[in-house]
Amino acid sequence: MTSSNDFTPQALALGCVAQALTQDSQPERGLQALAAALSDRIGYRLFTVLVLDRQAGLSRRYFSSQPVAYPTDGAKPIREDSDFYARVVQDGTPRICNDRHDCQQAFPDHDLIFSLGCESAVNVPVRWNGQTIASLNLLHEAGWYRQDMLPELAWYSALAIPVIQKINHTT
């Protein structure tokens, strides 16, 4: 028999998210578990979940770790001419912004982002059935996010699928 001490920190964090997904009060409980695991394992100063509403042409903010600065009722047009759209939505690949300059190029609201002490970001697509349905967006100090974090972020993205499906079915 294995004890919890036999598991890696990654496995323990993933297990907590998986356990939360079996509980009631979804999608809130699943989002809170994702936020906690990502805070513990990857780190962020700001974490948001954007859900793509293709019919309305909007990207809707459904979760925010800083709801005063980034309220959950926020939405912005899906810009098909953006790097975010090309890489994260169409190609389904994560995008890392390493520093202040990258964030300034990537985010029209970069002044608000900088005011929160964030100068790097990673946008991780949540994909289902060959399409990006949402993105997990983590922001932190400059240089925080690295390529070697992407495999673990992909695990959280996969665990986010039922949460996003629940959001899409109830909104």
N, C-alpha and C. Protein backbone atom coordinates (compact mmCIF):
# COMPACT_ATOMS: atom_id res chain seq x y z
N MET A 1 0.84 -1.17 0.00
CA MET A 1 0.00 0.00 0.00
C MET A 1 0.89 1.24 0.00
N THR A 2 0.53 2.23 -0.81
CA THR A 2 1.32 3.45 -0.86
C THR A 2 0.71 4.51 0.03
N SER A 3 1.55 5.33 0.60
CA SER A 3 1.07 6.44 1.42
C SER A 3 1.20 7.73 0.62
N SER A 4 0.60 8.80 1.12
CA SER A 4 0.67 10.08 0.41
C SER A 4 2.11 10.57 0.31
N ASN A 5 3.00 10.08 1.18
CA ASN A 5 4.40 10.47 1.12
C ASN A 5 5.12 9.87 -0.08
N ASP A 6 4.53 8.85 -0.71
CA ASP A 6 5.14 8.21 -1.86
C ASP A 6 4.86 8.95 -3.16
N PHE A 7 4.00 9.95 -3.15
CA PHE A 7 3.63 10.65 -4.36
C PHE A 7 4.45 11.93 -4.52
N THR A 8 4.67 12.31 -5.75
CA THR A 8 5.39 13.55 -6.02
C THR A 8 4.47 14.74 -5.71
N PRO A 9 5.04 15.91 -5.51
CA PRO A 9 4.20 17.10 -5.31
C PRO A 9 3.24 17.34 -6.48
N GLN A 10 3.70 17.04 -7.70
CA GLN A 10 2.81 17.20 -8.86
C GLN A 10 1.61 16.28 -8.74
N ALA A 11 1.85 15.02 -8.38
CA ALA A 11 0.76 14.06 -8.28
C ALA A 11 -0.21 14.45 -7.18
N LEU A 12 0.30 14.95 -6.07
CA LEU A 12 -0.59 15.37 -4.98
C LEU A 12 -1.47 16.54 -5.41
N ALA A 13 -0.89 17.52 -6.10
CA ALA A 13 -1.67 18.68 -6.56
C ALA A 13 -2.70 18.25 -7.60
N LEU A 14 -2.31 17.40 -8.51
CA LEU A 14 -3.26 16.90 -9.52
C LEU A 14 -4.37 16.09 -8.86
N GLY A 15 -4.02 15.30 -7.85
CA GLY A 15 -5.02 14.52 -7.13
C GLY A 15 -6.03 15.41 -6.42
N CYS A 16 -5.57 16.53 -5.88
CA CYS A 16 -6.50 17.47 -5.23
C CYS A 16 -7.48 18.05 -6.23
N VAL A 17 -6.99 18.40 -7.42
CA VAL A 17 -7.89 18.94 -8.45
C VAL A 17 -8.87 17.85 -8.89
N ALA A 18 -8.35 16.65 -9.13
CA ALA A 18 -9.23 15.55 -9.56
C ALA A 18 -10.30 15.26 -8.51
N GLN A 19 -9.91 15.27 -7.24
CA GLN A 19 -10.88 15.05 -6.17
C GLN A 19 -11.94 16.15 -6.16
N ALA A 20 -11.52 17.39 -6.33
CA ALA A 20 -12.47 18.51 -6.33
C ALA A 20 -13.48 18.38 -7.47
N LEU A 21 -13.04 17.81 -8.58
CA LEU A 21 -13.94 17.65 -9.73
C LEU A 21 -15.04 16.62 -9.48
N THR A 22 -14.86 15.77 -8.47
CA THR A 22 -15.89 14.77 -8.15
C THR A 22 -16.97 15.33 -7.23
N GLN A 23 -16.74 16.51 -6.71
CA GLN A 23 -17.65 17.11 -5.72
C GLN A 23 -18.74 17.95 -6.40
N ASP A 24 -19.72 18.35 -5.59
CA ASP A 24 -20.76 19.23 -6.11
C ASP A 24 -20.24 20.67 -6.19
N SER A 25 -21.13 21.61 -6.48
CA SER A 25 -20.81 23.03 -6.59
C SER A 25 -19.82 23.33 -7.71
N GLN A 26 -20.05 22.70 -8.85
CA GLN A 26 -19.23 22.97 -10.03
C GLN A 26 -19.89 24.09 -10.84
N PRO A 27 -19.14 24.91 -11.50
CA PRO A 27 -17.70 24.82 -11.74
C PRO A 27 -16.84 25.52 -10.68
N GLU A 28 -17.46 26.17 -9.69
CA GLU A 28 -16.71 26.96 -8.72
C GLU A 28 -15.68 26.13 -7.97
N ARG A 29 -16.07 24.95 -7.50
CA ARG A 29 -15.15 24.13 -6.73
C ARG A 29 -13.96 23.69 -7.58
N GLY A 30 -14.22 23.32 -8.82
CA GLY A 30 -13.13 22.94 -9.72
C GLY A 30 -12.19 24.11 -10.02
N LEU A 31 -12.76 25.29 -10.23
CA LEU A 31 -11.93 26.48 -10.49
C LEU A 31 -11.07 26.83 -9.28
N GLN A 32 -11.64 26.74 -8.09
CA GLN A 32 -10.88 27.04 -6.88
C GLN A 32 -9.74 26.04 -6.69
N ALA A 33 -10.00 24.77 -6.99
CA ALA A 33 -8.96 23.75 -6.88
C ALA A 33 -7.85 23.97 -7.90
N LEU A 34 -8.23 24.33 -9.12
CA LEU A 34 -7.22 24.67 -10.13
C LEU A 34 -6.39 25.84 -9.67
N ALA A 35 -7.04 26.88 -9.17
CA ALA A 35 -6.33 28.08 -8.72
C ALA A 35 -5.34 27.73 -7.60
N ALA A 36 -5.77 26.90 -6.66
CA ALA A 36 -4.89 26.52 -5.54
C ALA A 36 -3.70 25.70 -6.03
N ALA A 37 -3.96 24.74 -6.89
CA ALA A 37 -2.87 23.90 -7.40
C ALA A 37 -1.89 24.71 -8.23
N LEU A 38 -2.41 25.57 -9.09
CA LEU A 38 -1.53 26.40 -9.92
C LEU A 38 -0.73 27.37 -9.07
N SER A 39 -1.33 27.90 -8.03
CA SER A 39 -0.60 28.80 -7.13
C SER A 39 0.55 28.05 -6.45
N ASP A 40 0.26 26.86 -5.99
CA ASP A 40 1.25 26.06 -5.28
C ASP A 40 2.35 25.53 -6.20
N ARG A 41 1.97 25.02 -7.34
CA ARG A 41 2.91 24.32 -8.22
C ARG A 41 3.63 25.23 -9.22
N ILE A 42 2.94 26.21 -9.78
CA ILE A 42 3.51 27.04 -10.86
C ILE A 42 3.77 28.46 -10.36
N GLY A 43 2.79 29.04 -9.70
CA GLY A 43 2.89 30.38 -9.16
C GLY A 43 2.27 31.42 -10.08
N TYR A 44 1.65 32.41 -9.48
CA TYR A 44 1.09 33.54 -10.22
C TYR A 44 0.77 34.66 -9.25
N ARG A 45 0.67 35.85 -9.80
CA ARG A 45 0.12 37.00 -9.07
C ARG A 45 -1.30 37.26 -9.54
N LEU A 46 -1.58 36.84 -10.77
CA LEU A 46 -2.93 36.94 -11.33
C LEU A 46 -3.20 35.68 -12.12
N PHE A 47 -4.36 35.10 -11.89
CA PHE A 47 -4.79 33.92 -12.64
C PHE A 47 -6.21 34.18 -13.12
N THR A 48 -6.42 34.03 -14.42
CA THR A 48 -7.76 34.16 -14.98
C THR A 48 -8.06 32.97 -15.88
N VAL A 49 -9.35 32.72 -16.05
CA VAL A 49 -9.82 31.72 -17.00
C VAL A 49 -10.72 32.44 -17.98
N LEU A 50 -10.33 32.41 -19.25
CA LEU A 50 -11.14 32.99 -20.31
C LEU A 50 -11.81 31.87 -21.08
N VAL A 51 -13.12 31.96 -21.23
CA VAL A 51 -13.90 30.97 -21.95
C VAL A 51 -14.30 31.58 -23.29
N LEU A 52 -14.02 30.87 -24.37
CA LEU A 52 -14.34 31.38 -25.70
C LEU A 52 -15.81 31.18 -26.01
N ASP A 53 -16.46 32.25 -26.38
CA ASP A 53 -17.84 32.22 -26.85
C ASP A 53 -17.79 32.58 -28.33
N ARG A 54 -17.62 31.55 -29.14
CA ARG A 54 -17.44 31.78 -30.58
C ARG A 54 -18.67 32.38 -31.23
N GLN A 55 -19.86 31.99 -30.78
CA GLN A 55 -21.08 32.55 -31.37
C GLN A 55 -21.17 34.04 -31.17
N ALA A 56 -20.80 34.51 -29.99
CA ALA A 56 -20.85 35.95 -29.70
C ALA A 56 -19.58 36.66 -30.13
N GLY A 57 -18.54 35.89 -30.48
CA GLY A 57 -17.26 36.49 -30.86
C GLY A 57 -16.54 37.11 -29.67
N LEU A 58 -16.75 36.53 -28.48
CA LEU A 58 -16.18 37.09 -27.27
C LEU A 58 -15.36 36.07 -26.50
N SER A 59 -14.40 36.58 -25.78
CA SER A 59 -13.65 35.81 -24.80
C SER A 59 -14.11 36.33 -23.45
N ARG A 60 -14.78 35.47 -22.67
CA ARG A 60 -15.39 35.89 -21.41
C ARG A 60 -14.55 35.44 -20.22
N ARG A 61 -14.27 36.38 -19.31
CA ARG A 61 -13.53 36.06 -18.10
C ARG A 61 -14.50 35.42 -17.12
N TYR A 62 -14.26 34.14 -16.81
CA TYR A 62 -15.14 33.42 -15.91
C TYR A 62 -14.55 33.28 -14.51
N PHE A 63 -13.25 33.37 -14.41
CA PHE A 63 -12.59 33.26 -13.10
C PHE A 63 -11.46 34.27 -13.05
N SER A 64 -11.25 34.85 -11.86
CA SER A 64 -10.15 35.78 -11.64
C SER A 64 -9.69 35.66 -10.20
N SER A 65 -8.38 35.54 -10.02
CA SER A 65 -7.83 35.53 -8.67
C SER A 65 -7.79 36.93 -8.07
N GLN A 66 -7.98 37.95 -8.90
CA GLN A 66 -8.04 39.34 -8.45
C GLN A 66 -9.29 40.00 -9.04
N PRO A 67 -10.46 39.67 -8.49
CA PRO A 67 -11.71 40.13 -9.10
C PRO A 67 -11.95 41.64 -9.05
N VAL A 68 -11.24 42.36 -8.20
CA VAL A 68 -11.40 43.82 -8.20
C VAL A 68 -10.77 44.40 -9.46
N ALA A 69 -9.55 44.00 -9.76
CA ALA A 69 -8.85 44.49 -10.95
C ALA A 69 -9.38 43.85 -12.22
N TYR A 70 -9.68 42.54 -12.14
CA TYR A 70 -10.17 41.79 -13.30
C TYR A 70 -11.45 41.06 -12.92
N PRO A 71 -12.59 41.77 -12.97
CA PRO A 71 -13.86 41.14 -12.57
C PRO A 71 -14.26 40.00 -13.50
N THR A 72 -15.01 39.07 -12.92
CA THR A 72 -15.41 37.88 -13.68
C THR A 72 -16.48 38.16 -14.72
N ASP A 73 -17.06 39.34 -14.73
CA ASP A 73 -18.05 39.64 -15.77
C ASP A 73 -17.41 40.30 -16.99
N GLY A 74 -16.08 40.33 -17.03
CA GLY A 74 -15.39 40.96 -18.15
C GLY A 74 -15.43 40.12 -19.41
N ALA A 75 -15.46 40.79 -20.53
CA ALA A 75 -15.42 40.12 -21.84
C ALA A 75 -14.70 41.03 -22.81
N LYS A 76 -14.06 40.41 -23.78
CA LYS A 76 -13.42 41.19 -24.83
C LYS A 76 -13.60 40.46 -26.15
N PRO A 77 -13.60 41.23 -27.24
CA PRO A 77 -13.78 40.60 -28.54
C PRO A 77 -12.64 39.62 -28.85
N ILE A 78 -12.99 38.53 -29.51
CA ILE A 78 -11.96 37.61 -29.99
C ILE A 78 -11.33 38.28 -31.21
N ARG A 79 -10.03 38.58 -31.09
CA ARG A 79 -9.31 39.24 -32.18
C ARG A 79 -8.58 38.19 -33.01
N GLU A 80 -9.14 37.88 -34.16
CA GLU A 80 -8.55 36.84 -35.00
C GLU A 80 -7.22 37.26 -35.61
N ASP A 81 -6.87 38.54 -35.52
CA ASP A 81 -5.60 39.01 -36.05
C ASP A 81 -4.50 39.07 -34.99
N SER A 82 -4.77 38.54 -33.79
CA SER A 82 -3.80 38.63 -32.69
C SER A 82 -2.91 37.39 -32.62
N ASP A 83 -1.75 37.58 -31.98
CA ASP A 83 -0.84 36.47 -31.73
C ASP A 83 -1.50 35.44 -30.81
N PHE A 84 -2.26 35.92 -29.81
CA PHE A 84 -2.98 35.02 -28.91
C PHE A 84 -3.90 34.10 -29.72
N TYR A 85 -4.66 34.67 -30.63
CA TYR A 85 -5.59 33.88 -31.42
C TYR A 85 -4.84 32.85 -32.27
N ALA A 86 -3.79 33.31 -32.95
CA ALA A 86 -3.04 32.41 -33.83
C ALA A 86 -2.42 31.25 -33.05
N ARG A 87 -1.78 31.56 -31.95
CA ARG A 87 -1.04 30.52 -31.23
C ARG A 87 -1.91 29.72 -30.28
N VAL A 88 -2.63 30.41 -29.42
CA VAL A 88 -3.36 29.71 -28.36
C VAL A 88 -4.67 29.13 -28.88
N VAL A 89 -5.43 29.91 -29.63
CA VAL A 89 -6.75 29.45 -30.09
C VAL A 89 -6.61 28.53 -31.30
N GLN A 90 -5.96 29.00 -32.35
CA GLN A 90 -5.90 28.18 -33.57
C GLN A 90 -4.93 27.01 -33.45
N ASP A 91 -3.67 27.32 -33.07
CA ASP A 91 -2.66 26.26 -33.02
C ASP A 91 -2.77 25.40 -31.76
N GLY A 92 -3.40 25.93 -30.72
CA GLY A 92 -3.53 25.17 -29.48
C GLY A 92 -2.22 25.01 -28.74
N THR A 93 -1.33 25.99 -28.87
CA THR A 93 -0.05 25.93 -28.17
C THR A 93 0.03 27.04 -27.12
N PRO A 94 0.67 26.78 -26.00
CA PRO A 94 0.83 27.83 -24.99
C PRO A 94 1.70 28.98 -25.51
N ARG A 95 1.47 30.15 -24.94
CA ARG A 95 2.27 31.33 -25.29
C ARG A 95 2.87 31.89 -24.01
N ILE A 96 4.17 32.07 -24.02
CA ILE A 96 4.86 32.69 -22.88
C ILE A 96 5.31 34.09 -23.27
N CYS A 97 4.98 35.04 -22.42
CA CYS A 97 5.50 36.40 -22.52
C CYS A 97 6.51 36.53 -21.39
N ASN A 98 7.77 36.72 -21.72
CA ASN A 98 8.84 36.66 -20.72
C ASN A 98 9.04 37.91 -19.89
N ASP A 99 8.72 39.06 -20.47
CA ASP A 99 9.09 40.30 -19.79
C ASP A 99 8.10 41.42 -20.10
N ARG A 100 8.41 42.58 -19.58
CA ARG A 100 7.55 43.76 -19.72
C ARG A 100 7.29 44.08 -21.19
N HIS A 101 8.32 44.02 -22.01
CA HIS A 101 8.17 44.32 -23.44
C HIS A 101 7.20 43.33 -24.10
N ASP A 102 7.38 42.04 -23.82
CA ASP A 102 6.48 41.02 -24.39
C ASP A 102 5.03 41.28 -23.96
N CYS A 103 4.83 41.60 -22.69
CA CYS A 103 3.48 41.86 -22.19
C CYS A 103 2.89 43.12 -22.82
N GLN A 104 3.71 44.11 -23.00
CA GLN A 104 3.24 45.35 -23.63
C GLN A 104 2.77 45.08 -25.05
N GLN A 105 3.47 44.21 -25.76
CA GLN A 105 3.09 43.85 -27.12
C GLN A 105 1.83 42.98 -27.15
N ALA A 106 1.67 42.15 -26.14
CA ALA A 106 0.61 41.15 -26.15
C ALA A 106 -0.72 41.64 -25.58
N PHE A 107 -0.68 42.56 -24.62
CA PHE A 107 -1.89 42.91 -23.87
C PHE A 107 -2.21 44.39 -23.97
N PRO A 108 -3.37 44.73 -24.54
CA PRO A 108 -3.77 46.14 -24.59
C PRO A 108 -3.91 46.76 -23.19
N ASP A 109 -4.22 45.95 -22.19
CA ASP A 109 -4.38 46.45 -20.82
C ASP A 109 -3.08 46.28 -20.00
N HIS A 110 -1.94 46.41 -20.67
CA HIS A 110 -0.66 46.17 -20.01
C HIS A 110 -0.40 47.11 -18.83
N ASP A 111 -0.92 48.33 -18.85
CA ASP A 111 -0.71 49.22 -17.71
C ASP A 111 -1.34 48.66 -16.44
N LEU A 112 -2.54 48.11 -16.56
CA LEU A 112 -3.19 47.48 -15.41
C LEU A 112 -2.41 46.25 -14.96
N ILE A 113 -1.95 45.48 -15.90
CA ILE A 113 -1.15 44.29 -15.59
C ILE A 113 0.11 44.69 -14.83
N PHE A 114 0.81 45.72 -15.32
CA PHE A 114 2.04 46.18 -14.66
C PHE A 114 1.75 46.70 -13.26
N SER A 115 0.58 47.35 -13.08
CA SER A 115 0.24 47.89 -11.76
C SER A 115 0.05 46.79 -10.71
N LEU A 116 -0.19 45.56 -11.17
CA LEU A 116 -0.35 44.42 -10.26
C LEU A 116 0.98 43.71 -10.00
N GLY A 117 2.07 44.27 -10.55
CA GLY A 117 3.38 43.66 -10.37
C GLY A 117 3.65 42.51 -11.31
N CYS A 118 2.90 42.45 -12.39
CA CYS A 118 3.05 41.36 -13.35
C CYS A 118 3.81 41.85 -14.58
N GLU A 119 4.85 41.10 -14.95
CA GLU A 119 5.63 41.43 -16.14
C GLU A 119 5.97 40.19 -16.95
N SER A 120 5.29 39.10 -16.70
CA SER A 120 5.40 37.90 -17.53
C SER A 120 4.06 37.18 -17.49
N ALA A 121 3.83 36.35 -18.49
CA ALA A 121 2.54 35.65 -18.58
C ALA A 121 2.72 34.34 -19.33
N VAL A 122 1.80 33.42 -19.05
CA VAL A 122 1.67 32.22 -19.86
C VAL A 122 0.17 32.01 -20.10
N ASN A 123 -0.18 31.83 -21.36
CA ASN A 123 -1.55 31.53 -21.77
C ASN A 123 -1.58 30.08 -22.23
N VAL A 124 -2.38 29.27 -21.54
CA VAL A 124 -2.43 27.83 -21.81
C VAL A 124 -3.80 27.49 -22.38
N PRO A 125 -3.83 26.93 -23.59
CA PRO A 125 -5.13 26.59 -24.16
C PRO A 125 -5.77 25.40 -23.44
N VAL A 126 -7.08 25.47 -23.29
CA VAL A 126 -7.88 24.33 -22.84
C VAL A 126 -8.57 23.83 -24.09
N ARG A 127 -8.23 22.61 -24.51
CA ARG A 127 -8.74 22.10 -25.79
C ARG A 127 -9.61 20.88 -25.58
N TRP A 128 -10.67 20.82 -26.39
CA TRP A 128 -11.58 19.69 -26.39
C TRP A 128 -12.01 19.44 -27.82
N ASN A 129 -11.94 18.19 -28.24
CA ASN A 129 -12.42 17.78 -29.55
C ASN A 129 -11.76 18.59 -30.67
N GLY A 130 -10.47 18.85 -30.52
CA GLY A 130 -9.71 19.54 -31.56
C GLY A 130 -9.84 21.05 -31.59
N GLN A 131 -10.51 21.63 -30.60
CA GLN A 131 -10.69 23.08 -30.59
C GLN A 131 -10.33 23.65 -29.22
N THR A 132 -9.81 24.87 -29.24
CA THR A 132 -9.57 25.59 -27.99
C THR A 132 -10.91 26.12 -27.50
N ILE A 133 -11.26 25.79 -26.26
CA ILE A 133 -12.53 26.23 -25.69
C ILE A 133 -12.34 27.28 -24.59
N ALA A 134 -11.09 27.42 -24.14
CA ALA A 134 -10.79 28.38 -23.07
C ALA A 134 -9.28 28.52 -22.97
N SER A 135 -8.86 29.42 -22.08
CA SER A 135 -7.43 29.52 -21.77
C SER A 135 -7.24 29.77 -20.29
N LEU A 136 -6.20 29.16 -19.75
CA LEU A 136 -5.74 29.42 -18.40
C LEU A 136 -4.64 30.46 -18.54
N ASN A 137 -4.76 31.58 -17.83
CA ASN A 137 -3.83 32.69 -18.00
C ASN A 137 -3.19 33.02 -16.66
N LEU A 138 -1.89 32.84 -16.58
CA LEU A 138 -1.15 33.10 -15.36
C LEU A 138 -0.17 34.23 -15.61
N LEU A 139 -0.12 35.18 -14.69
CA LEU A 139 0.78 36.31 -14.80
C LEU A 139 1.58 36.46 -13.52
N HIS A 140 2.85 36.87 -13.68
CA HIS A 140 3.74 36.96 -12.51
C HIS A 140 4.85 37.96 -12.82
N GLU A 141 5.87 37.97 -11.96
CA GLU A 141 7.01 38.86 -12.17
C GLU A 141 7.76 38.46 -13.44
N ALA A 142 8.58 39.36 -13.94
CA ALA A 142 9.33 39.12 -15.18
C ALA A 142 10.15 37.84 -15.08
N GLY A 143 10.16 37.08 -16.17
CA GLY A 143 10.98 35.88 -16.26
C GLY A 143 10.47 34.68 -15.48
N TRP A 144 9.27 34.74 -14.93
CA TRP A 144 8.78 33.66 -14.07
C TRP A 144 8.51 32.36 -14.83
N TYR A 145 7.89 32.46 -16.00
CA TYR A 145 7.42 31.26 -16.71
C TYR A 145 8.49 30.74 -17.66
N ARG A 146 8.61 29.40 -17.68
CA ARG A 146 9.64 28.73 -18.48
C ARG A 146 9.02 27.58 -19.29
N GLN A 147 9.69 27.21 -20.33
CA GLN A 147 9.24 26.10 -21.18
C GLN A 147 9.07 24.81 -20.39
N ASP A 148 9.92 24.58 -19.39
CA ASP A 148 9.84 23.32 -18.64
C ASP A 148 8.59 23.23 -17.76
N MET A 149 7.85 24.32 -17.63
CA MET A 149 6.59 24.31 -16.88
C MET A 149 5.41 23.85 -17.75
N LEU A 150 5.58 23.90 -19.05
CA LEU A 150 4.46 23.63 -19.96
C LEU A 150 3.87 22.23 -19.84
N PRO A 151 4.67 21.17 -19.66
CA PRO A 151 4.04 19.85 -19.50
C PRO A 151 3.10 19.78 -18.30
N GLU A 152 3.51 20.33 -17.16
CA GLU A 152 2.63 20.30 -16.00
C GLU A 152 1.40 21.19 -16.23
N LEU A 153 1.59 22.33 -16.86
CA LEU A 153 0.44 23.19 -17.17
C LEU A 153 -0.55 22.48 -18.08
N ALA A 154 -0.06 21.62 -18.98
CA ALA A 154 -0.94 20.86 -19.86
C ALA A 154 -1.84 19.92 -19.05
N TRP A 155 -1.32 19.37 -17.95
CA TRP A 155 -2.13 18.50 -17.10
C TRP A 155 -3.31 19.29 -16.52
N TYR A 156 -3.03 20.49 -16.02
CA TYR A 156 -4.10 21.32 -15.44
C TYR A 156 -5.10 21.75 -16.51
N SER A 157 -4.59 22.01 -17.70
CA SER A 157 -5.47 22.35 -18.80
C SER A 157 -6.44 21.20 -19.09
N ALA A 158 -5.93 19.99 -19.11
CA ALA A 158 -6.78 18.83 -19.36
C ALA A 158 -7.81 18.66 -18.24
N LEU A 159 -7.40 18.89 -16.99
CA LEU A 159 -8.34 18.77 -15.88
C LEU A 159 -9.39 19.89 -15.90
N ALA A 160 -9.09 20.97 -16.60
CA ALA A 160 -10.05 22.08 -16.70
C ALA A 160 -11.17 21.80 -17.69
N ILE A 161 -11.03 20.80 -18.54
CA ILE A 161 -12.03 20.54 -19.58
C ILE A 161 -13.43 20.36 -19.00
N PRO A 162 -13.65 19.49 -18.00
CA PRO A 162 -15.03 19.35 -17.50
C PRO A 162 -15.55 20.64 -16.86
N VAL A 163 -14.67 21.42 -16.27
CA VAL A 163 -15.07 22.69 -15.67
C VAL A 163 -15.57 23.63 -16.77
N ILE A 164 -14.83 23.73 -17.85
CA ILE A 164 -15.21 24.61 -18.96
C ILE A 164 -16.49 24.08 -19.62
N GLN A 165 -16.60 22.78 -19.75
CA GLN A 165 -17.83 22.20 -20.32
C GLN A 165 -19.04 22.57 -19.45
N LYS A 166 -18.88 22.52 -18.14
CA LYS A 166 -19.96 22.88 -17.24
C LYS A 166 -20.33 24.36 -17.42
N ILE A 167 -19.33 25.21 -17.52
CA ILE A 167 -19.57 26.65 -17.76
C ILE A 167 -20.35 26.83 -19.06
N ASN A 168 -19.91 26.17 -20.11
CA ASN A 168 -20.57 26.32 -21.40
C ASN A 168 -22.00 25.81 -21.40
N HIS A 169 -22.27 24.79 -20.60
CA HIS A 169 -23.62 24.23 -20.56
C HIS A 169 -24.58 25.00 -19.64
N THR A 170 -24.02 25.85 -18.77
CA THR A 170 -24.89 26.56 -17.83
C THR A 170 -24.97 28.07 -18.09
N THR A 171 -24.18 28.56 -19.05
CA THR A 171 -24.23 30.01 -19.33
C THR A 171 -24.75 30.28 -20.72
